[in-house]
N, C-alpha and C. Protein backbone atom coordinates (compact mmCIF):
# COMPACT_ATOMS: atom_id res chain seq x y z
N LEU A 1 -2.71 127.47 61.50
CA LEU A 1 -1.59 126.76 60.90
C LEU A 1 -0.30 127.57 61.03
N GLY A 2 -0.39 128.86 60.84
CA GLY A 2 0.79 129.71 60.90
C GLY A 2 1.45 129.78 62.26
N LEU A 3 0.73 129.37 63.31
CA LEU A 3 1.29 129.39 64.66
C LEU A 3 2.11 128.15 64.98
N MET A 4 2.02 127.12 64.13
CA MET A 4 2.76 125.88 64.36
C MET A 4 4.17 125.99 63.77
N THR A 5 4.94 126.94 64.25
CA THR A 5 6.22 127.28 63.62
C THR A 5 7.29 126.21 63.79
N LYS A 6 7.10 125.25 64.66
CA LYS A 6 8.07 124.16 64.83
C LYS A 6 7.71 122.92 64.01
N LEU A 7 6.59 122.99 63.28
CA LEU A 7 6.10 121.85 62.50
C LEU A 7 7.12 121.45 61.43
N GLN A 8 7.44 120.14 61.37
CA GLN A 8 8.38 119.64 60.38
C GLN A 8 7.71 118.75 59.34
N GLU A 9 6.59 118.12 59.71
CA GLU A 9 5.87 117.26 58.78
C GLU A 9 4.39 117.62 58.82
N LEU A 10 3.80 117.78 57.64
CA LEU A 10 2.37 118.05 57.53
C LEU A 10 1.80 117.07 56.51
N ILE A 11 1.06 116.08 56.99
CA ILE A 11 0.53 115.01 56.15
C ILE A 11 -0.99 115.12 56.15
N LEU A 12 -1.57 115.49 55.00
CA LEU A 12 -3.02 115.67 54.88
C LEU A 12 -3.54 114.97 53.63
N THR A 13 -3.00 113.84 53.27
CA THR A 13 -3.38 113.17 52.03
C THR A 13 -4.79 112.60 52.10
N GLU A 14 -5.45 112.61 50.96
CA GLU A 14 -6.75 111.99 50.74
C GLU A 14 -7.78 112.33 51.82
N ASN A 15 -8.03 113.62 51.97
CA ASN A 15 -9.01 114.08 52.94
C ASN A 15 -10.11 114.91 52.32
N MET A 16 -10.19 114.92 51.01
CA MET A 16 -11.20 115.72 50.29
C MET A 16 -11.11 117.20 50.63
N LEU A 17 -9.90 117.68 50.89
CA LEU A 17 -9.69 119.10 51.17
C LEU A 17 -9.89 119.89 49.88
N THR A 18 -10.48 121.08 50.00
CA THR A 18 -10.71 121.95 48.85
C THR A 18 -10.10 123.31 49.13
N GLY A 19 -10.09 124.14 48.11
CA GLY A 19 -9.56 125.49 48.27
C GLY A 19 -8.06 125.52 48.03
N ALA A 20 -7.44 126.61 48.44
CA ALA A 20 -6.01 126.82 48.21
C ALA A 20 -5.19 126.47 49.44
N LEU A 21 -3.90 126.23 49.23
CA LEU A 21 -2.99 126.12 50.37
C LEU A 21 -3.00 127.48 51.06
N PRO A 22 -3.22 127.53 52.36
CA PRO A 22 -3.30 128.83 53.03
C PRO A 22 -1.97 129.57 53.00
N ASN A 23 -2.03 130.89 52.92
CA ASN A 23 -0.82 131.71 52.93
C ASN A 23 0.02 131.49 54.18
N GLU A 24 -0.63 131.11 55.28
CA GLU A 24 0.07 130.90 56.55
C GLU A 24 1.11 129.78 56.46
N ILE A 25 1.01 128.93 55.44
CA ILE A 25 1.98 127.83 55.32
C ILE A 25 3.39 128.38 55.13
N GLN A 26 3.50 129.61 54.63
CA GLN A 26 4.81 130.24 54.45
C GLN A 26 5.54 130.48 55.77
N LYS A 27 4.82 130.47 56.87
CA LYS A 27 5.42 130.70 58.19
C LYS A 27 6.05 129.43 58.76
N LEU A 28 5.85 128.30 58.11
CA LEU A 28 6.36 127.02 58.62
C LEU A 28 7.78 126.81 58.10
N SER A 29 8.69 127.61 58.58
CA SER A 29 10.05 127.63 58.03
C SER A 29 10.84 126.36 58.31
N LEU A 30 10.39 125.51 59.23
CA LEU A 30 11.09 124.26 59.53
C LEU A 30 10.47 123.06 58.82
N LEU A 31 9.44 123.29 58.01
CA LEU A 31 8.73 122.19 57.35
C LEU A 31 9.66 121.43 56.41
N ARG A 32 9.74 120.11 56.62
CA ARG A 32 10.60 119.24 55.80
C ARG A 32 9.79 118.36 54.86
N ARG A 33 8.62 117.93 55.29
CA ARG A 33 7.79 117.06 54.46
C ARG A 33 6.37 117.60 54.41
N LEU A 34 5.86 117.74 53.18
CA LEU A 34 4.49 118.17 52.97
C LEU A 34 3.82 117.16 52.06
N ALA A 35 2.75 116.56 52.54
CA ALA A 35 1.99 115.59 51.75
C ALA A 35 0.53 116.01 51.75
N VAL A 36 0.07 116.49 50.60
CA VAL A 36 -1.31 116.93 50.45
C VAL A 36 -1.96 116.28 49.23
N GLY A 37 -1.41 115.19 48.78
CA GLY A 37 -1.92 114.52 47.58
C GLY A 37 -3.31 113.93 47.78
N GLY A 38 -4.00 113.76 46.66
CA GLY A 38 -5.29 113.11 46.69
C GLY A 38 -6.41 113.94 47.27
N ASN A 39 -6.29 115.25 47.19
CA ASN A 39 -7.36 116.14 47.63
C ASN A 39 -7.91 116.86 46.41
N ASP A 40 -8.56 117.97 46.61
CA ASP A 40 -9.02 118.79 45.49
C ASP A 40 -8.56 120.22 45.72
N LEU A 41 -7.27 120.35 46.07
CA LEU A 41 -6.70 121.67 46.32
C LEU A 41 -6.50 122.40 45.00
N THR A 42 -6.76 123.69 45.01
CA THR A 42 -6.71 124.48 43.78
C THR A 42 -5.69 125.61 43.93
N GLU A 43 -5.73 126.49 42.98
CA GLU A 43 -4.84 127.64 42.90
C GLU A 43 -3.40 127.15 42.78
N GLY A 44 -2.50 127.65 43.62
CA GLY A 44 -1.10 127.36 43.35
C GLY A 44 -0.30 126.81 44.50
N ILE A 45 0.97 126.63 44.20
CA ILE A 45 1.93 126.10 45.16
C ILE A 45 3.02 127.13 45.47
N ARG A 46 2.84 128.36 45.01
CA ARG A 46 3.85 129.40 45.22
C ARG A 46 4.15 129.66 46.69
N ASN A 47 3.22 129.35 47.56
CA ASN A 47 3.46 129.53 49.00
C ASN A 47 4.59 128.64 49.51
N LEU A 48 4.99 127.66 48.73
CA LEU A 48 6.04 126.74 49.16
C LEU A 48 7.44 127.17 48.70
N PHE A 49 7.52 128.11 47.78
CA PHE A 49 8.78 128.40 47.09
C PHE A 49 9.87 128.97 47.99
N HIS A 50 9.55 129.40 49.20
CA HIS A 50 10.56 129.94 50.10
C HIS A 50 10.73 129.11 51.37
N LEU A 51 10.16 127.93 51.39
CA LEU A 51 10.32 127.02 52.53
C LEU A 51 11.59 126.20 52.29
N THR A 52 12.71 126.79 52.62
CA THR A 52 14.02 126.25 52.21
C THR A 52 14.39 124.93 52.89
N GLN A 53 13.68 124.53 53.93
CA GLN A 53 13.99 123.26 54.59
C GLN A 53 13.24 122.08 53.96
N LEU A 54 12.32 122.36 53.03
CA LEU A 54 11.53 121.28 52.42
C LEU A 54 12.44 120.25 51.76
N GLU A 55 12.18 118.98 52.08
CA GLU A 55 12.89 117.86 51.47
C GLU A 55 11.97 117.04 50.57
N GLU A 56 10.69 116.96 50.95
CA GLU A 56 9.74 116.13 50.21
C GLU A 56 8.42 116.87 50.05
N VAL A 57 7.93 116.92 48.80
CA VAL A 57 6.63 117.52 48.52
C VAL A 57 5.81 116.50 47.73
N TYR A 58 4.68 116.10 48.29
CA TYR A 58 3.76 115.18 47.64
C TYR A 58 2.44 115.93 47.43
N GLY A 59 2.22 116.40 46.22
CA GLY A 59 1.02 117.17 45.93
C GLY A 59 0.25 116.63 44.75
N ALA A 60 0.43 115.36 44.44
CA ALA A 60 -0.21 114.75 43.28
C ALA A 60 -1.72 114.64 43.46
N TYR A 61 -2.41 114.52 42.33
CA TYR A 61 -3.86 114.30 42.29
C TYR A 61 -4.63 115.40 43.02
N ASN A 62 -4.33 116.63 42.65
CA ASN A 62 -5.07 117.80 43.11
C ASN A 62 -5.47 118.59 41.87
N SER A 63 -5.77 119.85 42.05
CA SER A 63 -6.12 120.72 40.92
C SER A 63 -5.29 122.01 40.98
N PHE A 64 -4.03 121.90 41.41
CA PHE A 64 -3.16 123.07 41.44
C PHE A 64 -3.04 123.65 40.04
N GLU A 65 -3.14 124.96 39.92
CA GLU A 65 -3.15 125.61 38.62
C GLU A 65 -2.06 126.66 38.46
N ASP A 66 -0.98 126.55 39.17
CA ASP A 66 0.06 127.58 39.11
C ASP A 66 0.66 127.71 37.72
N GLN A 67 1.10 128.92 37.42
CA GLN A 67 1.86 129.20 36.21
C GLN A 67 3.32 129.20 36.64
N LEU A 68 4.04 128.15 36.34
CA LEU A 68 5.44 128.03 36.74
C LEU A 68 6.31 128.86 35.79
N ASP A 69 7.51 129.19 36.26
CA ASP A 69 8.50 129.83 35.40
C ASP A 69 9.85 129.17 35.64
N SER A 70 10.86 129.61 34.94
CA SER A 70 12.16 128.93 35.00
C SER A 70 12.80 129.00 36.38
N GLU A 71 12.40 129.97 37.21
CA GLU A 71 13.00 130.13 38.54
C GLU A 71 12.20 129.46 39.66
N SER A 72 11.04 128.91 39.35
CA SER A 72 10.24 128.24 40.38
C SER A 72 11.07 127.15 41.07
N PHE A 73 10.97 127.07 42.36
CA PHE A 73 11.63 126.07 43.21
C PHE A 73 13.11 126.35 43.46
N ARG A 74 13.70 127.42 42.97
CA ARG A 74 15.16 127.60 43.03
C ARG A 74 15.71 127.71 44.44
N PHE A 75 14.90 128.13 45.42
CA PHE A 75 15.39 128.27 46.80
C PHE A 75 15.29 126.97 47.59
N LEU A 76 14.69 125.94 47.01
CA LEU A 76 14.45 124.68 47.73
C LEU A 76 15.64 123.74 47.57
N THR A 77 16.80 124.16 48.04
CA THR A 77 18.04 123.42 47.82
C THR A 77 18.13 122.11 48.61
N ASN A 78 17.23 121.88 49.54
CA ASN A 78 17.20 120.61 50.29
C ASN A 78 16.22 119.61 49.69
N LEU A 79 15.51 120.02 48.65
CA LEU A 79 14.46 119.18 48.08
C LEU A 79 15.03 117.90 47.48
N ARG A 80 14.45 116.74 47.89
CA ARG A 80 14.84 115.44 47.35
C ARG A 80 13.74 114.84 46.47
N ILE A 81 12.47 115.08 46.86
CA ILE A 81 11.34 114.50 46.15
C ILE A 81 10.32 115.60 45.85
N LEU A 82 9.94 115.71 44.58
CA LEU A 82 8.90 116.64 44.16
C LEU A 82 7.92 115.87 43.29
N ASP A 83 6.76 115.57 43.85
CA ASP A 83 5.74 114.79 43.16
C ASP A 83 4.49 115.66 42.99
N LEU A 84 4.31 116.19 41.80
CA LEU A 84 3.17 117.05 41.49
C LEU A 84 2.40 116.54 40.28
N LYS A 85 2.39 115.23 40.09
CA LYS A 85 1.67 114.67 38.95
C LYS A 85 0.17 114.89 39.07
N ASN A 86 -0.50 114.82 37.93
CA ASN A 86 -1.96 114.94 37.86
C ASN A 86 -2.49 116.21 38.53
N ASN A 87 -2.02 117.34 38.03
CA ASN A 87 -2.53 118.64 38.45
C ASN A 87 -2.82 119.44 37.19
N ARG A 88 -2.88 120.74 37.31
CA ARG A 88 -3.13 121.62 36.16
C ARG A 88 -2.03 122.67 36.04
N LEU A 89 -0.82 122.30 36.43
CA LEU A 89 0.30 123.23 36.39
C LEU A 89 0.61 123.61 34.96
N GLN A 90 0.94 124.87 34.74
CA GLN A 90 1.22 125.39 33.41
C GLN A 90 2.57 126.09 33.40
N GLY A 91 2.99 126.45 32.18
CA GLY A 91 4.24 127.18 32.03
C GLY A 91 5.36 126.27 31.61
N PRO A 92 6.57 126.80 31.59
CA PRO A 92 7.72 126.00 31.15
C PRO A 92 8.22 125.09 32.26
N PHE A 93 9.05 124.15 31.88
CA PHE A 93 9.77 123.32 32.85
C PHE A 93 10.68 124.25 33.65
N PRO A 94 10.60 124.24 34.97
CA PRO A 94 11.44 125.15 35.77
C PRO A 94 12.92 124.75 35.69
N ASP A 95 13.70 125.52 34.94
CA ASP A 95 15.12 125.22 34.78
C ASP A 95 15.86 125.15 36.11
N ALA A 96 15.36 125.86 37.11
CA ALA A 96 16.00 125.87 38.43
C ALA A 96 16.06 124.47 39.03
N LEU A 97 15.19 123.57 38.59
CA LEU A 97 15.21 122.20 39.13
C LEU A 97 16.51 121.48 38.80
N TRP A 98 17.11 121.81 37.65
CA TRP A 98 18.39 121.18 37.29
C TRP A 98 19.49 121.58 38.28
N THR A 99 19.32 122.71 38.99
CA THR A 99 20.37 123.23 39.88
C THR A 99 20.27 122.70 41.30
N LEU A 100 19.19 122.03 41.65
CA LEU A 100 19.00 121.58 43.02
C LEU A 100 19.91 120.38 43.31
N PRO A 101 20.81 120.50 44.27
CA PRO A 101 21.86 119.50 44.46
C PRO A 101 21.41 118.16 45.02
N LYS A 102 20.19 118.08 45.60
CA LYS A 102 19.75 116.84 46.24
C LYS A 102 18.53 116.21 45.57
N LEU A 103 17.97 116.85 44.55
CA LEU A 103 16.72 116.38 43.94
C LEU A 103 16.93 115.03 43.26
N GLN A 104 16.21 114.00 43.74
CA GLN A 104 16.32 112.65 43.21
C GLN A 104 15.08 112.22 42.43
N VAL A 105 13.90 112.67 42.85
CA VAL A 105 12.65 112.26 42.22
C VAL A 105 11.88 113.50 41.79
N LEU A 106 11.52 113.53 40.51
CA LEU A 106 10.77 114.65 39.95
C LEU A 106 9.68 114.08 39.06
N ASP A 107 8.43 114.28 39.48
CA ASP A 107 7.29 113.74 38.73
C ASP A 107 6.30 114.86 38.44
N PHE A 108 6.25 115.28 37.17
CA PHE A 108 5.32 116.30 36.70
C PHE A 108 4.34 115.72 35.69
N HIS A 109 4.22 114.40 35.62
CA HIS A 109 3.40 113.85 34.54
C HIS A 109 1.92 114.24 34.69
N PHE A 110 1.29 114.38 33.54
CA PHE A 110 -0.12 114.77 33.41
C PHE A 110 -0.40 116.13 34.05
N ASN A 111 0.25 117.14 33.47
CA ASN A 111 -0.01 118.54 33.77
C ASN A 111 -0.17 119.26 32.44
N ALA A 112 0.03 120.54 32.40
CA ALA A 112 -0.09 121.31 31.15
C ALA A 112 1.17 122.14 30.92
N LEU A 113 2.33 121.57 31.30
CA LEU A 113 3.59 122.27 31.09
C LEU A 113 3.93 122.28 29.60
N ASP A 114 4.57 123.35 29.16
CA ASP A 114 4.89 123.47 27.73
C ASP A 114 6.29 124.05 27.55
N GLY A 115 6.60 124.42 26.34
CA GLY A 115 7.94 124.94 26.05
C GLY A 115 8.90 123.81 25.77
N HIS A 116 10.15 124.02 26.13
CA HIS A 116 11.21 123.04 25.85
C HIS A 116 11.87 122.60 27.15
N LEU A 117 12.40 121.40 27.13
CA LEU A 117 13.28 120.98 28.20
C LEU A 117 14.65 121.57 27.86
N ARG A 118 15.07 122.54 28.62
CA ARG A 118 16.31 123.26 28.31
C ARG A 118 17.55 122.45 28.68
N GLU A 119 18.65 122.87 28.11
CA GLU A 119 19.94 122.24 28.39
C GLU A 119 20.33 122.48 29.86
N ILE A 120 21.11 121.57 30.40
CA ILE A 120 21.60 121.67 31.77
C ILE A 120 22.94 122.40 31.73
N ASP A 121 23.03 123.47 32.49
CA ASP A 121 24.24 124.29 32.53
C ASP A 121 25.44 123.43 32.97
N ASP A 122 26.58 123.72 32.42
CA ASP A 122 27.79 122.93 32.71
C ASP A 122 28.17 122.90 34.18
N LYS A 123 27.81 123.92 34.95
CA LYS A 123 28.23 123.95 36.35
C LYS A 123 27.35 123.09 37.25
N TYR A 124 26.32 122.46 36.71
CA TYR A 124 25.42 121.63 37.52
C TYR A 124 25.48 120.18 37.08
N ASN A 125 25.45 119.28 38.04
CA ASN A 125 25.39 117.85 37.79
C ASN A 125 24.25 117.27 38.60
N PRO A 126 23.05 117.26 38.03
CA PRO A 126 21.89 116.76 38.79
C PRO A 126 22.06 115.31 39.23
N VAL A 127 21.49 115.00 40.40
CA VAL A 127 21.54 113.64 40.94
C VAL A 127 20.22 112.92 40.74
N LEU A 128 19.37 113.43 39.86
CA LEU A 128 18.05 112.84 39.61
C LEU A 128 18.16 111.35 39.29
N GLU A 129 17.26 110.58 39.88
CA GLU A 129 17.15 109.16 39.58
C GLU A 129 15.84 108.86 38.85
N TYR A 130 14.84 109.69 39.05
CA TYR A 130 13.50 109.46 38.49
C TYR A 130 13.00 110.77 37.91
N LEU A 131 12.72 110.77 36.61
CA LEU A 131 12.21 111.96 35.94
C LEU A 131 11.05 111.56 35.05
N ASP A 132 9.87 112.10 35.36
CA ASP A 132 8.67 111.82 34.57
C ASP A 132 8.00 113.14 34.21
N VAL A 133 8.06 113.49 32.93
CA VAL A 133 7.39 114.70 32.43
C VAL A 133 6.40 114.31 31.34
N SER A 134 5.93 113.08 31.37
CA SER A 134 5.01 112.58 30.35
C SER A 134 3.67 113.31 30.43
N GLU A 135 2.94 113.23 29.32
CA GLU A 135 1.59 113.80 29.20
C GLU A 135 1.55 115.29 29.56
N ASN A 136 2.45 116.04 28.92
CA ASN A 136 2.46 117.49 28.99
C ASN A 136 2.46 118.01 27.56
N PHE A 137 2.92 119.20 27.33
CA PHE A 137 2.94 119.79 25.99
C PHE A 137 4.33 120.25 25.60
N PHE A 138 5.37 119.54 26.05
CA PHE A 138 6.73 119.93 25.72
C PHE A 138 6.99 119.73 24.24
N GLY A 139 7.72 120.65 23.65
CA GLY A 139 8.08 120.56 22.24
C GLY A 139 9.58 120.61 22.08
N GLY A 140 10.02 120.85 20.85
CA GLY A 140 11.45 120.90 20.58
C GLY A 140 12.05 119.52 20.64
N GLY A 141 13.21 119.42 21.22
CA GLY A 141 13.89 118.14 21.32
C GLY A 141 14.34 117.86 22.74
N MET A 142 14.91 116.70 22.93
CA MET A 142 15.46 116.34 24.23
C MET A 142 16.76 117.11 24.43
N PRO A 143 17.05 117.54 25.66
CA PRO A 143 18.32 118.24 25.89
C PRO A 143 19.51 117.30 25.65
N THR A 144 20.49 117.79 24.91
CA THR A 144 21.68 116.97 24.65
C THR A 144 22.48 116.76 25.92
N THR A 145 22.31 117.65 26.90
CA THR A 145 23.05 117.54 28.15
C THR A 145 22.39 116.61 29.16
N LEU A 146 21.33 115.93 28.77
CA LEU A 146 20.69 114.96 29.66
C LEU A 146 21.68 113.86 30.05
N ASN A 147 22.70 113.69 29.26
CA ASN A 147 23.76 112.72 29.53
C ASN A 147 24.47 112.99 30.86
N LYS A 148 24.33 114.21 31.39
CA LYS A 148 24.96 114.56 32.66
C LYS A 148 24.23 113.95 33.85
N VAL A 149 23.00 113.50 33.65
CA VAL A 149 22.18 112.96 34.75
C VAL A 149 22.46 111.47 34.84
N THR A 150 23.66 111.13 35.25
CA THR A 150 24.14 109.74 35.19
C THR A 150 23.47 108.82 36.20
N ASN A 151 22.81 109.35 37.22
CA ASN A 151 22.10 108.52 38.20
C ASN A 151 20.72 108.10 37.73
N LEU A 152 20.28 108.62 36.59
CA LEU A 152 18.92 108.41 36.10
C LEU A 152 18.62 106.92 35.92
N VAL A 153 17.55 106.46 36.59
CA VAL A 153 17.09 105.08 36.50
C VAL A 153 15.80 105.01 35.69
N HIS A 154 14.96 106.04 35.81
CA HIS A 154 13.64 106.07 35.17
C HIS A 154 13.48 107.39 34.44
N LEU A 155 13.19 107.32 33.14
CA LEU A 155 12.96 108.51 32.33
C LEU A 155 11.72 108.28 31.47
N ASP A 156 10.70 109.13 31.68
CA ASP A 156 9.47 109.03 30.90
C ASP A 156 9.18 110.40 30.29
N VAL A 157 9.25 110.49 28.97
CA VAL A 157 8.94 111.72 28.24
C VAL A 157 7.80 111.47 27.25
N SER A 158 7.01 110.44 27.49
CA SER A 158 5.92 110.04 26.60
C SER A 158 4.86 111.12 26.48
N SER A 159 4.10 111.03 25.39
CA SER A 159 2.92 111.86 25.16
C SER A 159 3.20 113.35 25.32
N ASN A 160 4.18 113.83 24.59
CA ASN A 160 4.48 115.24 24.51
C ASN A 160 4.47 115.62 23.03
N ARG A 161 5.02 116.75 22.70
CA ARG A 161 5.03 117.21 21.31
C ARG A 161 6.45 117.40 20.79
N PHE A 162 7.34 116.54 21.21
CA PHE A 162 8.72 116.64 20.72
C PHE A 162 8.72 116.45 19.22
N GLU A 163 9.45 117.32 18.51
CA GLU A 163 9.46 117.19 17.06
C GLU A 163 10.86 117.10 16.47
N LYS A 164 11.88 117.15 17.30
CA LYS A 164 13.23 117.10 16.78
C LYS A 164 13.83 115.72 17.03
N THR A 165 14.77 115.37 16.19
CA THR A 165 15.42 114.08 16.36
C THR A 165 16.30 114.09 17.61
N LEU A 166 16.59 112.90 18.09
CA LEU A 166 17.47 112.77 19.25
C LEU A 166 18.88 113.17 18.83
N LYS A 167 19.40 114.16 19.52
CA LYS A 167 20.77 114.59 19.25
C LYS A 167 21.55 114.42 20.53
N GLY A 168 22.80 114.20 20.37
CA GLY A 168 23.64 114.04 21.55
C GLY A 168 23.89 112.58 21.85
N ASP A 169 24.76 112.38 22.80
CA ASP A 169 25.19 111.06 23.19
C ASP A 169 24.63 110.77 24.58
N TYR A 170 23.80 109.76 24.70
CA TYR A 170 23.21 109.41 25.98
C TYR A 170 23.85 108.15 26.57
N SER A 171 25.04 107.83 26.12
CA SER A 171 25.69 106.58 26.54
C SER A 171 26.10 106.59 28.01
N ALA A 172 26.17 107.75 28.65
CA ALA A 172 26.54 107.80 30.07
C ALA A 172 25.39 107.42 30.98
N LEU A 173 24.19 107.24 30.43
CA LEU A 173 23.04 106.89 31.25
C LEU A 173 23.00 105.38 31.49
N THR A 174 24.06 104.86 32.07
CA THR A 174 24.22 103.42 32.24
C THR A 174 23.35 102.84 33.36
N ASN A 175 22.78 103.67 34.20
CA ASN A 175 21.90 103.20 35.28
C ASN A 175 20.44 103.12 34.85
N LEU A 176 20.14 103.57 33.64
CA LEU A 176 18.77 103.63 33.16
C LEU A 176 18.14 102.25 33.07
N LYS A 177 16.99 102.07 33.72
CA LYS A 177 16.26 100.80 33.66
C LYS A 177 14.94 100.96 32.92
N VAL A 178 14.37 102.18 32.93
CA VAL A 178 13.09 102.44 32.27
C VAL A 178 13.25 103.67 31.38
N LEU A 179 12.96 103.50 30.09
CA LEU A 179 12.96 104.60 29.14
C LEU A 179 11.66 104.54 28.37
N LEU A 180 10.80 105.54 28.57
CA LEU A 180 9.50 105.58 27.91
C LEU A 180 9.44 106.82 27.02
N MET A 181 9.25 106.60 25.73
CA MET A 181 9.14 107.69 24.76
C MET A 181 7.95 107.44 23.85
N THR A 182 6.91 106.82 24.35
CA THR A 182 5.77 106.42 23.53
C THR A 182 4.88 107.59 23.17
N ASP A 183 4.07 107.38 22.15
CA ASP A 183 3.02 108.31 21.75
C ASP A 183 3.54 109.73 21.49
N SER A 184 4.65 109.80 20.78
CA SER A 184 5.19 111.09 20.35
C SER A 184 5.47 110.97 18.86
N SER A 185 4.40 110.93 18.06
CA SER A 185 4.54 110.64 16.64
C SER A 185 5.42 111.66 15.91
N ASN A 186 5.49 112.87 16.42
CA ASN A 186 6.35 113.87 15.79
C ASN A 186 7.82 113.66 16.11
N PHE A 187 8.11 112.75 16.99
CA PHE A 187 9.48 112.48 17.43
C PHE A 187 10.25 111.67 16.41
N GLY A 188 9.58 110.99 15.51
CA GLY A 188 10.24 110.14 14.55
C GLY A 188 9.69 110.38 13.18
N PRO A 189 10.07 109.61 12.19
CA PRO A 189 10.99 108.48 12.30
C PRO A 189 12.43 108.95 12.40
N GLN A 190 13.23 108.16 13.10
CA GLN A 190 14.65 108.46 13.25
C GLN A 190 15.36 107.20 13.72
N PRO A 191 16.65 107.14 13.50
CA PRO A 191 17.40 105.98 14.00
C PRO A 191 17.58 106.07 15.50
N ILE A 192 17.74 104.93 16.11
CA ILE A 192 18.03 104.89 17.55
C ILE A 192 19.52 104.67 17.70
């Protein structure tokens, strides 16, 4: 795999692959699309964190077990789609994702992420259209700066452990078509 240095797309979905992503994948510096969803891949995705040409990552329905941190994905400035739902990813929400200038789709639902969704720094204006962090272990409250994500069409924060009332003004989210906040009994009661 490491010898295919001109490879731009690697599509291996639903092939019953097992084991870890090989370290040699780090040599694929021109890789733009990686689709490995629907396998039984384990261990982590850290081998992807320096593939700066990546635009799309489809790794859903595997058994990735990486411990993410706030800086995970920060070098992937070309990333548009990150789909890692239904894995075993742990750690906090990677704050670096708010800084990626092209990220439109982010799906982390049904993992084991915890901590808080942090505020978005004033110098960043995410272009996210789809954000799903449902069925994780996030606590605290919703970031008041979520109002900066004005392109947001779909937001799902269901089935987490949010315990603070909604603070802030979300009136700038005028493109929102789907808002899911179900099954978060600690989130209320509160006025809408």
